Amino acid sequence: MTPVKGIIFDFGGTIDNCGDHWAVVIREAYASLPVEELPLELFCKGYVFAERELARVRHILPEHDFRVMMEIKARLELEELVRLGAPIKQGDIPAFAAQIAGYTDRHARECVEKARPALDYLASKYPMVLVSNFYGNIESVLVEYDLRKYFPTVIESAVVGVRKPDPAIFMLGVDALGLRPEEVLVVGDSISKDIVPARSLGCETAWIEGRPWFYEEAKTAPGRRIVELSELEQLY
């Protein structure tokens, strides 16, 4: 096996959510609202609608921080849920969106601090690049959470025009490191969007296994499997 000489990190789910799919934590945030529990299928329709809407229309601007981003996303979800007949009043959307954003921001900050010792250790040994499907504001979020220092190069889908699972976005990261794919470790939480495309290039991979998307079947990723980023300190 070729020794690892550089690392590519995913962001969403991997660093900011302890390996969990964000839908899981957002549903927990919904549970804190003063409304009856939404059926899972209905919640997922709102979640998917907002993700597609954010990819279609530029609701999120480069200067938006994580909390503002999540408030916009929550508002889109809630508006769609109201349209679908959820027991939510139109007038409650602004307050509910702010509450969901606060919940997710606090959670993200906890996960970032949990990840920080591993990032400190790995950044002291390897050059690192961030490769993320994001909304055009990843720079603002990284600065806000004091993560920019770990990643001299940041490759964001909304900026480069390539999205995971296209392996080309990972190749941009490999090129930025100035290494061969087999010399690069890719760390991510998604088997289909991180692990499979990275391995198709010949990269080594480490899958952080958290709570998956609700309808995703249990799977085992090729390559290394970890449950916390701290495990990378012993492995590399």
C-alpha atoms as a PDB file:
ATOM      1  CA  MET A   1       0.000   0.000   0.000  1.00  0.00           C
ATOM      2  CA  THR A   2       1.348   3.437  -0.979  1.00  0.00           C
ATOM      3  CA  PRO A   3       1.910   5.641   2.100  1.00  0.00           C
ATOM      4  CA  VAL A   4      -0.580   8.482   2.538  1.00  0.00           C
ATOM      5  CA  LYS A   5       0.984  11.865   1.813  1.00  0.00           C
ATOM      6  CA  GLY A   6      -2.103  14.103   1.829  1.00  0.00           C
ATOM      7  CA  ILE A   7      -5.729  14.116   2.967  1.00  0.00           C
ATOM      8  CA  ILE A   8      -9.011  15.267   1.427  1.00  0.00           C
ATOM      9  CA  PHE A   9     -11.835  15.930   3.877  1.00  0.00           C
ATOM     10  CA  ASP A  10     -15.546  16.207   3.236  1.00  0.00           C
ATOM     11  CA  PHE A  11     -17.300  18.823   5.380  1.00  0.00           C
ATOM     12  CA  GLY A  12     -21.082  18.399   5.659  1.00  0.00           C
ATOM     13  CA  GLY A  13     -21.846  15.412   7.858  1.00  0.00           C
ATOM     14  CA  THR A  14     -18.192  14.503   8.296  1.00  0.00           C
ATOM     15  CA  ILE A  15     -16.811  17.428  10.299  1.00  0.00           C
ATOM     16  CA  ASP A  16     -19.905  19.426  11.243  1.00  0.00           C
ATOM     17  CA  ASN A  17     -22.208  16.541  12.194  1.00  0.00           C
ATOM     18  CA  CYS A  18     -20.103  13.744  13.730  1.00  0.00           C
ATOM     19  CA  GLY A  19     -20.723  11.462  10.746  1.00  0.00           C
ATOM     20  CA  ASP A  20     -24.532  11.652  10.876  1.00  0.00           C
ATOM     21  CA  HIS A  21     -26.766  12.556   7.950  1.00  0.00           C
ATOM     22  CA  TRP A  22     -28.076  16.069   8.541  1.00  0.00           C
ATOM     23  CA  ALA A  23     -31.687  14.964   8.032  1.00  0.00           C
ATOM     24  CA  VAL A  24     -31.441  12.945  11.264  1.00  0.00           C
ATOM     25  CA  VAL A  25     -30.386  15.943  13.352  1.00  0.00           C
ATOM     26  CA  ILE A  26     -32.821  18.323  11.662  1.00  0.00           C
ATOM     27  CA  ARG A  27     -35.642  15.902  12.497  1.00  0.00           C
ATOM     28  CA  GLU A  28     -34.474  16.038  16.127  1.00  0.00           C
ATOM     29  CA  ALA A  29     -34.703  19.826  15.906  1.00  0.00           C
ATOM     30  CA  TYR A  30     -38.281  19.509  14.625  1.00  0.00           C
ATOM     31  CA  ALA A  31     -39.097  17.373  17.652  1.00  0.00           C
ATOM     32  CA  SER A  32     -38.287  20.381  19.847  1.00  0.00           C
ATOM     33  CA  LEU A  33     -41.021  22.470  18.192  1.00  0.00           C
ATOM     34  CA  PRO A  34     -44.417  22.878  19.898  1.00  0.00           C
ATOM     35  CA  VAL A  35     -46.253  20.849  17.239  1.00  0.00           C
ATOM     36  CA  GLU A  36     -47.286  17.223  16.925  1.00  0.00           C
ATOM     37  CA  GLU A  37     -44.650  14.893  15.519  1.00  0.00           C
ATOM     38  CA  LEU A  38     -44.505  14.886  11.731  1.00  0.00           C
ATOM     39  CA  PRO A  39     -44.745  11.534   9.941  1.00  0.00           C
ATOM     40  CA  LEU A  40     -41.303  10.549   8.683  1.00  0.00           C
ATOM     41  CA  GLU A  41     -42.399  10.454   5.053  1.00  0.00           C
ATOM     42  CA  LEU A  42     -43.830  13.974   5.281  1.00  0.00           C
ATOM     43  CA  PHE A  43     -40.712  15.323   6.976  1.00  0.00           C
ATOM     44  CA  CYS A  44     -38.503  13.771   4.292  1.00  0.00           C
ATOM     45  CA  LYS A  45     -40.548  15.398   1.535  1.00  0.00           C
ATOM     46  CA  GLY A  46     -39.900  18.789   3.088  1.00  0.00           C
ATOM     47  CA  TYR A  47     -36.212  18.042   3.538  1.00  0.00           C
ATOM     48  CA  VAL A  48     -35.712  16.863  -0.042  1.00  0.00           C
ATOM     49  CA  PHE A  49     -37.692  19.808  -1.430  1.00  0.00           C
ATOM     50  CA  ALA A  50     -35.441  22.299   0.365  1.00  0.00           C
ATOM     51  CA  GLU A  51     -32.253  20.580  -0.822  1.00  0.00           C
ATOM     52  CA  ARG A  52     -33.432  20.670  -4.430  1.00  0.00           C
ATOM     53  CA  GLU A  53     -34.612  24.252  -4.133  1.00  0.00           C
ATOM     54  CA  LEU A  54     -31.246  25.368  -2.754  1.00  0.00           C
ATOM     55  CA  ALA A  55     -29.510  23.661  -5.674  1.00  0.00           C
ATOM     56  CA  ARG A  56     -31.895  25.301  -8.150  1.00  0.00           C
ATOM     57  CA  VAL A  57     -32.063  28.865  -6.796  1.00  0.00           C
ATOM     58  CA  ARG A  58     -29.379  30.913  -5.062  1.00  0.00           C
ATOM     59  CA  HIS A  59     -31.072  31.529  -1.725  1.00  0.00           C
ATOM     60  CA  ILE A  60     -27.802  31.358   0.218  1.00  0.00           C
ATOM     61  CA  LEU A  61     -25.171  34.042  -0.334  1.00  0.00           C
ATOM     62  CA  PRO A  62     -21.384  33.761   0.206  1.00  0.00           C
ATOM     63  CA  GLU A  63     -21.501  35.873   3.373  1.00  0.00           C
ATOM     64  CA  HIS A  64     -24.144  33.762   5.094  1.00  0.00           C
ATOM     65  CA  ASP A  65     -22.929  31.939   8.205  1.00  0.00           C
ATOM     66  CA  PHE A  66     -24.092  28.480   9.278  1.00  0.00           C
ATOM     67  CA  ARG A  67     -27.039  29.681  11.353  1.00  0.00           C
ATOM     68  CA  VAL A  68     -28.378  31.948   8.628  1.00  0.00           C
ATOM     69  CA  MET A  69     -27.930  29.155   6.081  1.00  0.00           C
ATOM     70  CA  MET A  70     -29.876  26.700   8.234  1.00  0.00           C
ATOM     71  CA  GLU A  71     -32.612  29.240   8.914  1.00  0.00           C
ATOM     72  CA  ILE A  72     -33.118  29.723   5.172  1.00  0.00           C
ATOM     73  CA  LYS A  73     -33.141  25.966   4.648  1.00  0.00           C
ATOM     74  CA  ALA A  74     -35.597  25.433   7.514  1.00  0.00           C
ATOM     75  CA  ARG A  75     -37.903  28.125   6.167  1.00  0.00           C
ATOM     76  CA  LEU A  76     -38.015  26.420   2.780  1.00  0.00           C
ATOM     77  CA  GLU A  77     -38.744  23.071   4.442  1.00  0.00           C
ATOM     78  CA  LEU A  78     -41.482  24.503   6.631  1.00  0.00           C
ATOM     79  CA  GLU A  79     -43.160  26.331   3.753  1.00  0.00           C
ATOM     80  CA  GLU A  80     -43.279  23.103   1.772  1.00  0.00           C
ATOM     81  CA  LEU A  81     -44.604  21.180   4.759  1.00  0.00           C
ATOM     82  CA  VAL A  82     -47.408  23.719   5.215  1.00  0.00           C
ATOM     83  CA  ARG A  83     -48.238  23.348   1.536  1.00  0.00           C
ATOM     84  CA  LEU A  84     -48.387  19.569   2.011  1.00  0.00           C
ATOM     85  CA  GLY A  85     -50.814  19.900   4.913  1.00  0.00           C
ATOM     86  CA  ALA A  86     -48.528  19.567   7.933  1.00  0.00           C
ATOM     87  CA  PRO A  87     -50.001  20.800  11.243  1.00  0.00           C
ATOM     88  CA  ILE A  88     -47.917  23.975  11.154  1.00  0.00           C
ATOM     89  CA  LYS A  89     -49.299  27.514  10.936  1.00  0.00           C
ATOM     90  CA  GLN A  90     -47.897  29.820   8.278  1.00  0.00           C
ATOM     91  CA  GLY A  91     -47.373  32.514  10.874  1.00  0.00           C
ATOM     92  CA  ASP A  92     -45.181  30.232  12.977  1.00  0.00           C
ATOM     93  CA  ILE A  93     -42.635  29.611  10.202  1.00  0.00           C
ATOM     94  CA  PRO A  94     -40.192  32.459  11.044  1.00  0.00           C
ATOM     95  CA  ALA A  95     -39.968  31.510  14.735  1.00  0.00           C
ATOM     96  CA  PHE A  96     -39.772  27.784  14.008  1.00  0.00           C
ATOM     97  CA  ALA A  97     -37.063  28.301  11.377  1.00  0.00           C
ATOM     98  CA  ALA A  98     -35.014  30.352  13.845  1.00  0.00           C
ATOM     99  CA  GLN A  99     -35.403  27.645  16.509  1.00  0.00           C
ATOM    100  CA  ILE A 100     -34.304  24.890  14.113  1.00  0.00           C
ATOM    101  CA  ALA A 101     -31.327  26.996  13.006  1.00  0.00           C
ATOM    102  CA  GLY A 102     -30.256  27.559  16.595  1.00  0.00           C
ATOM    103  CA  TYR A 103     -30.511  23.858  17.412  1.00  0.00           C
ATOM    104  CA  THR A 104     -28.467  22.790  14.389  1.00  0.00           C
ATOM    105  CA  ASP A 105     -25.858  25.507  14.888  1.00  0.00           C
ATOM    106  CA  ARG A 106     -25.269  24.428  18.482  1.00  0.00           C
ATOM    107  CA  HIS A 107     -25.003  20.817  17.373  1.00  0.00           C
ATOM    108  CA  ALA A 108     -22.557  21.675  14.575  1.00  0.00           C
ATOM    109  CA  ARG A 109     -20.338  23.616  16.957  1.00  0.00           C
ATOM    110  CA  GLU A 110     -20.206  20.636  19.323  1.00  0.00           C
ATOM    111  CA  CYS A 111     -19.228  18.303  16.463  1.00  0.00           C
ATOM    112  CA  VAL A 112     -16.578  20.713  15.173  1.00  0.00           C
ATOM    113  CA  GLU A 113     -14.974  20.911  18.617  1.00  0.00           C
ATOM    114  CA  LYS A 114     -15.068  17.140  18.865  1.00  0.00           C
ATOM    115  CA  ALA A 115     -13.288  16.909  15.490  1.00  0.00           C
ATOM    116  CA  ARG A 116     -10.715  19.613  16.221  1.00  0.00           C
ATOM    117  CA  PRO A 117      -8.049  17.507  17.999  1.00  0.00           C
ATOM    118  CA  ALA A 118      -7.929  15.090  15.059  1.00  0.00           C
ATOM    119  CA  LEU A 119      -7.751  17.981  12.590  1.00  0.00           C
ATOM    120  CA  ASP A 120      -4.928  19.571  14.599  1.00  0.00           C
ATOM    121  CA  TYR A 121      -2.998  16.309  14.593  1.00  0.00           C
ATOM    122  CA  LEU A 122      -3.523  15.473  10.916  1.00  0.00           C
ATOM    123  CA  ALA A 123      -2.800  19.033   9.734  1.00  0.00           C
ATOM    124  CA  SER A 124       0.543  18.877  11.545  1.00  0.00           C
ATOM    125  CA  LYS A 125       1.528  15.819   9.500  1.00  0.00           C
ATOM    126  CA  TYR A 126      -0.179  16.164   6.112  1.00  0.00           C
ATOM    127  CA  PRO A 127      -1.319  18.808   3.640  1.00  0.00           C
ATOM    128  CA  MET A 128      -5.122  18.842   3.643  1.00  0.00           C
ATOM    129  CA  VAL A 129      -7.790  19.937   1.174  1.00  0.00           C
ATOM    130  CA  LEU A 130     -11.538  20.304   1.740  1.00  0.00           C
ATOM    131  CA  VAL A 131     -13.884  19.007  -0.973  1.00  0.00           C
ATOM    132  CA  SER A 132     -17.549  19.741  -0.318  1.00  0.00           C
ATOM    133  CA  ASN A 133     -20.963  19.859  -1.932  1.00  0.00           C
ATOM    134  CA  PHE A 134     -22.081  23.180  -0.465  1.00  0.00           C
ATOM    135  CA  TYR A 135     -24.208  26.235  -1.165  1.00  0.00           C
ATOM    136  CA  GLY A 136     -21.589  28.870  -2.054  1.00  0.00           C
ATOM    137  CA  ASN A 137     -20.863  29.991   1.522  1.00  0.00           C
ATOM    138  CA  ILE A 138     -18.406  27.371   2.743  1.00  0.00           C
ATOM    139  CA  GLU A 139     -15.675  30.001   3.214  1.00  0.00           C
ATOM    140  CA  SER A 140     -17.860  31.960   5.629  1.00  0.00           C
ATOM    141  CA  VAL A 141     -18.743  28.828   7.592  1.00  0.00           C
ATOM    142  CA  LEU A 142     -15.127  27.684   7.830  1.00  0.00           C
ATOM    143  CA  VAL A 143     -13.984  31.084   9.097  1.00  0.00           C
ATOM    144  CA  GLU A 144     -16.877  31.231  11.576  1.00  0.00           C
ATOM    145  CA  TYR A 145     -15.967  27.829  13.033  1.00  0.00           C
ATOM    146  CA  ASP A 146     -12.191  28.516  12.927  1.00  0.00           C
ATOM    147  CA  LEU A 147     -11.607  25.681  10.441  1.00  0.00           C
ATOM    148  CA  ARG A 148     -10.139  27.594   7.490  1.00  0.00           C
ATOM    149  CA  LYS A 149      -6.602  27.261   8.869  1.00  0.00           C
ATOM    150  CA  TYR A 150      -6.638  23.511   8.271  1.00  0.00           C
ATOM    151  CA  PHE A 151      -7.408  23.725   4.569  1.00  0.00           C
ATOM    152  CA  PRO A 152      -5.220  25.940   2.353  1.00  0.00           C
ATOM    153  CA  THR A 153      -7.358  24.845  -0.590  1.00  0.00           C
ATOM    154  CA  VAL A 154     -11.141  24.565  -0.471  1.00  0.00           C
ATOM    155  CA  ILE A 155     -13.035  23.041  -3.385  1.00  0.00           C
ATOM    156  CA  GLU A 156     -16.757  23.797  -3.192  1.00  0.00           C
ATOM    157  CA  SER A 157     -19.245  22.367  -5.669  1.00  0.00           C
ATOM    158  CA  ALA A 158     -21.185  25.633  -6.038  1.00  0.00           C
ATOM    159  CA  VAL A 159     -17.957  27.413  -7.027  1.00  0.00           C
ATOM    160  CA  VAL A 160     -16.234  24.850  -9.279  1.00  0.00           C
ATOM    161  CA  GLY A 161     -19.417  23.650 -11.000  1.00  0.00           C
ATOM    162  CA  VAL A 162     -18.844  19.955 -10.236  1.00  0.00           C
ATOM    163  CA  ARG A 163     -20.778  18.012  -7.595  1.00  0.00           C
ATOM    164  CA  LYS A 164     -20.225  14.744  -5.841  1.00  0.00           C
ATOM    165  CA  PRO A 165     -20.518  11.902  -6.691  1.00  0.00           C
ATOM    166  CA  ASP A 166     -18.619  13.004  -9.819  1.00  0.00           C
ATOM    167  CA  PRO A 167     -15.034  11.807  -9.210  1.00  0.00           C
ATOM    168  CA  ALA A 168     -13.807  14.919 -11.029  1.00  0.00           C
ATOM    169  CA  ILE A 169     -14.354  17.033  -7.908  1.00  0.00           C
ATOM    170  CA  PHE A 170     -12.057  14.727  -5.933  1.00  0.00           C
ATOM    171  CA  MET A 171      -9.496  14.845  -8.729  1.00  0.00           C
ATOM    172  CA  LEU A 172      -9.430  18.618  -8.271  1.00  0.00           C
ATOM    173  CA  GLY A 173      -8.474  17.966  -4.659  1.00  0.00           C
ATOM    174  CA  VAL A 174      -5.800  15.454  -5.620  1.00  0.00           C
ATOM    175  CA  ASP A 175      -4.340  17.940  -8.107  1.00  0.00           C
ATOM    176  CA  ALA A 176      -4.381  20.700  -5.483  1.00  0.00           C
ATOM    177  CA  LEU A 177      -2.299  18.462  -3.216  1.00  0.00           C
ATOM    178  CA  GLY A 178       0.162  17.808  -6.054  1.00  0.00           C
ATOM    179  CA  LEU A 179       0.008  14.084  -5.372  1.00  0.00           C
ATOM    180  CA  ARG A 180      -1.050  10.884  -7.093  1.00  0.00           C
ATOM    181  CA  PRO A 181      -4.509   9.536  -6.152  1.00  0.00           C
ATOM    182  CA  GLU A 182      -3.008   6.496  -4.426  1.00  0.00           C
ATOM    183  CA  GLU A 183      -1.090   8.854  -2.105  1.00  0.00           C
ATOM    184  CA  VAL A 184      -4.283  10.579  -0.922  1.00  0.00           C
ATOM    185  CA  LEU A 185      -6.681   9.631   1.860  1.00  0.00           C
ATOM    186  CA  VAL A 186     -10.296  10.767   1.421  1.00  0.00           C
ATOM    187  CA  VAL A 187     -12.390  11.049   4.592  1.00  0.00           C
ATOM    188  CA  GLY A 188     -16.168  11.272   4.251  1.00  0.00           C
ATOM    189  CA  ASP A 189     -19.516  10.194   5.670  1.00  0.00           C
ATOM    190  CA  SER A 190     -21.252   9.192   2.428  1.00  0.00           C
ATOM    191  CA  ILE A 191     -20.505   5.872   0.753  1.00  0.00           C
ATOM    192  CA  SER A 192     -22.041   6.912  -2.573  1.00  0.00           C
ATOM    193  CA  LYS A 193     -20.837  10.530  -2.671  1.00  0.00           C
ATOM    194  CA  ASP A 194     -17.422  10.261  -0.989  1.00  0.00           C
ATOM    195  CA  ILE A 195     -16.076   6.738  -0.732  1.00  0.00           C
ATOM    196  CA  VAL A 196     -17.073   5.183  -4.057  1.00  0.00           C
ATOM    197  CA  PRO A 197     -15.986   8.077  -6.317  1.00  0.00           C
ATOM    198  CA  ALA A 198     -12.721   8.576  -4.405  1.00  0.00           C
ATOM    199  CA  ARG A 199     -11.862   4.906  -4.661  1.00  0.00           C
ATOM    200  CA  SER A 200     -12.630   4.948  -8.375  1.00  0.00           C
ATOM    201  CA  LEU A 201      -9.649   7.291  -8.710  1.00  0.00           C
ATOM    202  CA  GLY A 202      -7.417   5.015  -6.640  1.00  0.00           C
ATOM    203  CA  CYS A 203      -7.529   7.021  -3.395  1.00  0.00           C
ATOM    204  CA  GLU A 204      -7.414   5.417   0.017  1.00  0.00           C
ATOM    205  CA  THR A 205     -10.604   6.088   1.970  1.00  0.00           C
ATOM    206  CA  ALA A 206     -11.910   6.298   5.528  1.00  0.00           C
ATOM    207  CA  TRP A 207     -15.692   6.205   5.956  1.00  0.00           C
ATOM    208  CA  ILE A 208     -17.033   7.752   9.144  1.00  0.00           C
ATOM    209  CA  GLU A 209     -20.129   5.745   9.915  1.00  0.00           C
ATOM    210  CA  GLY A 210     -22.875   7.742  11.590  1.00  0.00           C
ATOM    211  CA  ARG A 211     -26.657   7.654  11.480  1.00  0.00           C
ATOM    212  CA  PRO A 212     -27.646   7.407   7.792  1.00  0.00           C
ATOM    213  CA  TRP A 213     -30.464   8.849   5.710  1.00  0.00           C
ATOM    214  CA  PHE A 214     -33.698   7.273   6.923  1.00  0.00           C
ATOM    215  CA  TYR A 215     -34.406   5.170   3.840  1.00  0.00           C
ATOM    216  CA  GLU A 216     -30.825   4.095   3.209  1.00  0.00           C
ATOM    217  CA  GLU A 217     -30.167   0.389   3.530  1.00  0.00           C
ATOM    218  CA  ALA A 218     -27.395  -0.731   5.850  1.00  0.00           C
ATOM    219  CA  LYS A 219     -24.172  -0.917   3.880  1.00  0.00           C
ATOM    220  CA  THR A 220     -20.517  -1.596   4.409  1.00  0.00           C
ATOM    221  CA  ALA A 221     -18.086   0.741   2.695  1.00  0.00           C
ATOM    222  CA  PRO A 222     -14.887  -0.470   1.082  1.00  0.00           C
ATOM    223  CA  GLY A 223     -11.708   0.814   2.696  1.00  0.00           C
ATOM    224  CA  ARG A 224     -11.357   1.844   6.317  1.00  0.00           C
ATOM    225  CA  ARG A 225     -14.374   2.326   8.562  1.00  0.00           C
ATOM    226  CA  ILE A 226     -14.287   4.637  11.566  1.00  0.00           C
ATOM    227  CA  VAL A 227     -16.933   5.901  13.952  1.00  0.00           C
ATOM    228  CA  GLU A 228     -15.034   8.980  15.149  1.00  0.00           C
ATOM    229  CA  LEU A 229     -12.429  11.175  13.479  1.00  0.00           C
ATOM    230  CA  SER A 230     -10.185  10.684  16.509  1.00  0.00           C
ATOM    231  CA  GLU A 231      -9.483   7.153  15.245  1.00  0.00           C
ATOM    232  CA  LEU A 232      -7.465   8.672  12.416  1.00  0.00           C
ATOM    233  CA  GLU A 233      -4.852   9.786  14.955  1.00  0.00           C
ATOM    234  CA  GLN A 234      -3.978   6.152  15.623  1.00  0.00           C
ATOM    235  CA  LEU A 235      -4.264   5.019  12.009  1.00  0.00           C
ATOM    236  CA  TYR A 236      -2.180   7.796  10.401  1.00  0.00           C
END
